């Protein structure tokens, strides 16, 4: 009788594991479809995959900020929050070093990152690009110039 019970439990465990695997597979497929859709949208509108477009936007921001690009403090905080969400994932207070009492900028950055919430990496990349495009008129020509350079490299 004990062996029948263990067989039933063993079969039950196999079924629950199989259903968990199926659930994980379907959620991964849904995430992949969302990521592919976002990549397709960014490729259609910009000519680059989302990841490449984000890298280009980050490079542009780091090179031009304070020189050709002058953003408000709030916009800078949003860009920092998107960047942290891309590189570190969801905000987790426990993984951060404690802020100093007078570290107002660090506190503002943490609050901005917290406000992003459970946003996915791809959504954060897209948000960074969209915000930079919205607040900086020089970004779109910069991307178009890189797109033409890439097309010229491929042509040659």
C-alpha atoms as a PDB file:
ATOM      1  CA  UNK A   1       0.000   0.000   0.000  1.00  0.00           C
ATOM      2  CA  UNK A   2       2.879   2.344   0.769  1.00  0.00           C
ATOM      3  CA  UNK A   3       4.300   1.671  -2.681  1.00  0.00           C
ATOM      4  CA  UNK A   4       0.969   2.587  -4.329  1.00  0.00           C
ATOM      5  CA  UNK A   5       0.975   5.890  -2.426  1.00  0.00           C
ATOM      6  CA  UNK A   6       4.551   6.637  -3.461  1.00  0.00           C
ATOM      7  CA  UNK A   7       3.705   5.772  -7.094  1.00  0.00           C
ATOM      8  CA  UNK A   8       0.713   8.118  -6.987  1.00  0.00           C
ATOM      9  CA  UNK A   9       2.838  10.890  -5.419  1.00  0.00           C
ATOM     10  CA  UNK A  10       5.582  10.248  -7.957  1.00  0.00           C
ATOM     11  CA  UNK A  11       3.097  10.539 -10.831  1.00  0.00           C
ATOM     12  CA  UNK A  12       1.604  13.644  -9.235  1.00  0.00           C
ATOM     13  CA  UNK A  13       5.086  15.196  -8.972  1.00  0.00           C
ATOM     14  CA  UNK A  14       5.778  14.408 -12.628  1.00  0.00           C
ATOM     15  CA  UNK A  15       2.497  16.011 -13.654  1.00  0.00           C
ATOM     16  CA  UNK A  16       3.104  19.137 -11.609  1.00  0.00           C
ATOM     17  CA  UNK A  17       6.660  19.436 -12.931  1.00  0.00           C
ATOM     18  CA  UNK A  18       5.424  18.949 -16.495  1.00  0.00           C
ATOM     19  CA  UNK A  19       2.719  21.595 -16.048  1.00  0.00           C
ATOM     20  CA  UNK A  20       5.272  24.005 -14.519  1.00  0.00           C
ATOM     21  CA  UNK A  21       7.623  23.431 -17.451  1.00  0.00           C
ATOM     22  CA  UNK A  22       4.770  24.004 -19.912  1.00  0.00           C
ATOM     23  CA  UNK A  23       3.763  27.165 -18.064  1.00  0.00           C
ATOM     24  CA  UNK A  24       7.362  28.425 -18.112  1.00  0.00           C
ATOM     25  CA  UNK A  25       7.666  27.602 -21.815  1.00  0.00           C
ATOM     26  CA  UNK A  26       4.478  29.475 -22.684  1.00  0.00           C
ATOM     27  CA  UNK A  27       5.460  32.521 -20.588  1.00  0.00           C
ATOM     28  CA  UNK A  28       8.942  32.522 -22.185  1.00  0.00           C
ATOM     29  CA  UNK A  29       7.346  32.312 -25.631  1.00  0.00           C
ATOM     30  CA  UNK A  30       5.058  35.228 -24.762  1.00  0.00           C
ATOM     31  CA  UNK A  31       8.071  37.267 -23.579  1.00  0.00           C
ATOM     32  CA  UNK A  32       9.986  36.394 -26.740  1.00  0.00           C
ATOM     33  CA  UNK A  33       7.007  37.434 -28.877  1.00  0.00           C
ATOM     34  CA  UNK A  34       6.830  40.762 -27.001  1.00  0.00           C
ATOM     35  CA  UNK A  35      10.592  41.292 -27.384  1.00  0.00           C
ATOM     36  CA  UNK A  36      10.443  40.413 -31.077  1.00  0.00           C
ATOM     37  CA  UNK A  37       7.507  42.786 -31.554  1.00  0.00           C
ATOM     38  CA  UNK A  38       9.404  45.637 -29.844  1.00  0.00           C
ATOM     39  CA  UNK A  39      12.528  44.848 -31.880  1.00  0.00           C
ATOM     40  CA  UNK A  40      10.460  44.814 -35.083  1.00  0.00           C
ATOM     41  CA  UNK A  41       8.827  48.144 -34.199  1.00  0.00           C
ATOM     42  CA  UNK A  42      12.161  49.813 -33.449  1.00  0.00           C
ATOM     43  CA  UNK A  43      13.682  48.354 -36.607  1.00  0.00           C
ATOM     44  CA  UNK A  44      10.789  49.579 -38.740  1.00  0.00           C
ATOM     45  CA  UNK A  45      10.809  53.108 -37.326  1.00  0.00           C
ATOM     46  CA  UNK A  46      14.556  53.594 -36.766  1.00  0.00           C
ATOM     47  CA  UNK A  47      16.352  51.024 -38.909  1.00  0.00           C
ATOM     48  CA  UNK A  48      18.136  49.392 -35.964  1.00  0.00           C
ATOM     49  CA  UNK A  49      17.311  46.564 -33.567  1.00  0.00           C
ATOM     50  CA  UNK A  50      16.221  47.840 -30.161  1.00  0.00           C
ATOM     51  CA  UNK A  51      19.429  46.770 -28.407  1.00  0.00           C
ATOM     52  CA  UNK A  52      21.611  48.477 -31.027  1.00  0.00           C
ATOM     53  CA  UNK A  53      19.431  51.582 -30.988  1.00  0.00           C
ATOM     54  CA  UNK A  54      19.680  51.751 -27.187  1.00  0.00           C
ATOM     55  CA  UNK A  55      23.477  51.480 -27.323  1.00  0.00           C
ATOM     56  CA  UNK A  56      23.568  54.224 -29.943  1.00  0.00           C
ATOM     57  CA  UNK A  57      21.278  56.422 -27.819  1.00  0.00           C
ATOM     58  CA  UNK A  58      23.409  55.839 -24.717  1.00  0.00           C
ATOM     59  CA  UNK A  59      26.563  56.694 -26.650  1.00  0.00           C
ATOM     60  CA  UNK A  60      24.929  59.860 -28.000  1.00  0.00           C
ATOM     61  CA  UNK A  61      23.797  60.908 -24.534  1.00  0.00           C
ATOM     62  CA  UNK A  62      27.203  60.328 -22.939  1.00  0.00           C
ATOM     63  CA  UNK A  63      29.030  62.189 -25.732  1.00  0.00           C
ATOM     64  CA  UNK A  64      26.695  65.158 -26.119  1.00  0.00           C
ATOM     65  CA  UNK A  65      25.222  65.727 -22.646  1.00  0.00           C
ATOM     66  CA  UNK A  66      26.285  69.119 -21.349  1.00  0.00           C
ATOM     67  CA  UNK A  67      27.725  70.113 -24.735  1.00  0.00           C
ATOM     68  CA  UNK A  68      25.112  69.960 -27.479  1.00  0.00           C
ATOM     69  CA  UNK A  69      22.340  68.528 -25.293  1.00  0.00           C
ATOM     70  CA  UNK A  70      20.972  70.347 -22.264  1.00  0.00           C
ATOM     71  CA  UNK A  71      18.275  68.404 -20.430  1.00  0.00           C
ATOM     72  CA  UNK A  72      16.217  69.248 -17.383  1.00  0.00           C
ATOM     73  CA  UNK A  73      17.048  67.581 -14.073  1.00  0.00           C
ATOM     74  CA  UNK A  74      13.836  65.504 -14.236  1.00  0.00           C
ATOM     75  CA  UNK A  75      14.652  64.234 -17.731  1.00  0.00           C
ATOM     76  CA  UNK A  76      18.156  63.279 -16.631  1.00  0.00           C
ATOM     77  CA  UNK A  77      16.686  61.373 -13.682  1.00  0.00           C
ATOM     78  CA  UNK A  78      14.329  59.485 -16.008  1.00  0.00           C
ATOM     79  CA  UNK A  79      17.207  58.564 -18.331  1.00  0.00           C
ATOM     80  CA  UNK A  80      19.287  57.361 -15.364  1.00  0.00           C
ATOM     81  CA  UNK A  81      16.325  55.303 -14.121  1.00  0.00           C
ATOM     82  CA  UNK A  82      15.874  53.663 -17.539  1.00  0.00           C
ATOM     83  CA  UNK A  83      19.604  52.950 -17.754  1.00  0.00           C
ATOM     84  CA  UNK A  84      19.674  51.341 -14.317  1.00  0.00           C
ATOM     85  CA  UNK A  85      16.595  49.285 -15.144  1.00  0.00           C
ATOM     86  CA  UNK A  86      18.342  47.991 -18.277  1.00  0.00           C
ATOM     87  CA  UNK A  87      21.633  47.209 -16.573  1.00  0.00           C
ATOM     88  CA  UNK A  88      20.493  46.066 -13.100  1.00  0.00           C
ATOM     89  CA  UNK A  89      16.831  45.102 -13.442  1.00  0.00           C
ATOM     90  CA  UNK A  90      14.134  45.950 -10.925  1.00  0.00           C
ATOM     91  CA  UNK A  91      15.036  48.281  -8.070  1.00  0.00           C
ATOM     92  CA  UNK A  92      16.154  46.384  -4.963  1.00  0.00           C
ATOM     93  CA  UNK A  93      17.079  48.457  -1.912  1.00  0.00           C
ATOM     94  CA  UNK A  94      18.925  45.529  -0.314  1.00  0.00           C
ATOM     95  CA  UNK A  95      21.442  45.222  -3.147  1.00  0.00           C
ATOM     96  CA  UNK A  96      22.438  48.898  -3.022  1.00  0.00           C
ATOM     97  CA  UNK A  97      24.965  50.487  -0.755  1.00  0.00           C
ATOM     98  CA  UNK A  98      23.382  52.869   1.764  1.00  0.00           C
ATOM     99  CA  UNK A  99      23.115  56.503   0.729  1.00  0.00           C
ATOM    100  CA  UNK A 100      24.700  59.250   2.733  1.00  0.00           C
ATOM    101  CA  UNK A 101      22.560  61.747   4.613  1.00  0.00           C
ATOM    102  CA  UNK A 102      23.497  64.576   2.253  1.00  0.00           C
ATOM    103  CA  UNK A 103      23.376  62.528  -0.963  1.00  0.00           C
ATOM    104  CA  UNK A 104      20.352  64.286  -2.457  1.00  0.00           C
ATOM    105  CA  UNK A 105      21.178  63.334  -6.048  1.00  0.00           C
ATOM    106  CA  UNK A 106      21.658  59.666  -5.161  1.00  0.00           C
ATOM    107  CA  UNK A 107      18.328  59.678  -3.332  1.00  0.00           C
ATOM    108  CA  UNK A 108      16.586  61.302  -6.324  1.00  0.00           C
ATOM    109  CA  UNK A 109      18.099  58.729  -8.672  1.00  0.00           C
ATOM    110  CA  UNK A 110      16.962  55.873  -6.444  1.00  0.00           C
ATOM    111  CA  UNK A 111      13.438  57.291  -6.285  1.00  0.00           C
ATOM    112  CA  UNK A 112      13.348  57.677 -10.067  1.00  0.00           C
ATOM    113  CA  UNK A 113      14.533  54.089 -10.480  1.00  0.00           C
ATOM    114  CA  UNK A 114      11.894  52.905  -7.998  1.00  0.00           C
ATOM    115  CA  UNK A 115       9.223  54.734  -9.988  1.00  0.00           C
ATOM    116  CA  UNK A 116      10.066  52.632 -13.062  1.00  0.00           C
ATOM    117  CA  UNK A 117       8.759  49.578 -11.181  1.00  0.00           C
ATOM    118  CA  UNK A 118       8.563  46.180 -12.903  1.00  0.00           C
ATOM    119  CA  UNK A 119       9.354  47.509 -16.361  1.00  0.00           C
ATOM    120  CA  UNK A 120      11.123  44.961 -18.561  1.00  0.00           C
ATOM    121  CA  UNK A 121      14.599  45.515 -19.945  1.00  0.00           C
ATOM    122  CA  UNK A 122      13.218  46.052 -23.459  1.00  0.00           C
ATOM    123  CA  UNK A 123      10.592  48.528 -22.257  1.00  0.00           C
ATOM    124  CA  UNK A 124      13.301  50.477 -20.428  1.00  0.00           C
ATOM    125  CA  UNK A 125      15.471  50.555 -23.562  1.00  0.00           C
ATOM    126  CA  UNK A 126      12.515  51.754 -25.586  1.00  0.00           C
ATOM    127  CA  UNK A 127      11.633  54.364 -22.950  1.00  0.00           C
ATOM    128  CA  UNK A 128      15.205  55.688 -22.958  1.00  0.00           C
ATOM    129  CA  UNK A 129      15.215  56.042 -26.747  1.00  0.00           C
ATOM    130  CA  UNK A 130      11.746  57.620 -26.870  1.00  0.00           C
ATOM    131  CA  UNK A 131      12.538  60.144 -24.121  1.00  0.00           C
ATOM    132  CA  UNK A 132      15.852  61.100 -25.698  1.00  0.00           C
ATOM    133  CA  UNK A 133      14.131  61.540 -29.063  1.00  0.00           C
ATOM    134  CA  UNK A 134      11.400  63.660 -27.454  1.00  0.00           C
ATOM    135  CA  UNK A 135      13.682  66.039 -25.539  1.00  0.00           C
ATOM    136  CA  UNK A 136      16.589  66.282 -27.985  1.00  0.00           C
ATOM    137  CA  UNK A 137      16.088  67.320 -31.586  1.00  0.00           C
ATOM    138  CA  UNK A 138      19.672  66.300 -32.496  1.00  0.00           C
ATOM    139  CA  UNK A 139      19.150  62.611 -31.716  1.00  0.00           C
ATOM    140  CA  UNK A 140      17.120  61.636 -34.797  1.00  0.00           C
ATOM    141  CA  UNK A 141      19.661  63.100 -37.289  1.00  0.00           C
ATOM    142  CA  UNK A 142      22.431  61.349 -35.338  1.00  0.00           C
ATOM    143  CA  UNK A 143      20.678  57.987 -35.719  1.00  0.00           C
ATOM    144  CA  UNK A 144      19.933  58.639 -39.392  1.00  0.00           C
ATOM    145  CA  UNK A 145      23.609  59.445 -40.028  1.00  0.00           C
ATOM    146  CA  UNK A 146      24.634  56.178 -38.369  1.00  0.00           C
ATOM    147  CA  UNK A 147      22.029  54.326 -40.408  1.00  0.00           C
ATOM    148  CA  UNK A 148      23.435  55.785 -43.648  1.00  0.00           C
ATOM    149  CA  UNK A 149      26.976  54.882 -42.550  1.00  0.00           C
ATOM    150  CA  UNK A 150      25.859  51.312 -41.844  1.00  0.00           C
ATOM    151  CA  UNK A 151      24.130  51.053 -45.217  1.00  0.00           C
ATOM    152  CA  UNK A 152      27.254  52.385 -46.937  1.00  0.00           C
ATOM    153  CA  UNK A 153      29.432  49.797 -45.150  1.00  0.00           C
ATOM    154  CA  UNK A 154      27.088  47.028 -46.245  1.00  0.00           C
ATOM    155  CA  UNK A 155      27.047  48.342 -49.819  1.00  0.00           C
ATOM    156  CA  UNK A 156      30.849  48.340 -50.024  1.00  0.00           C
END
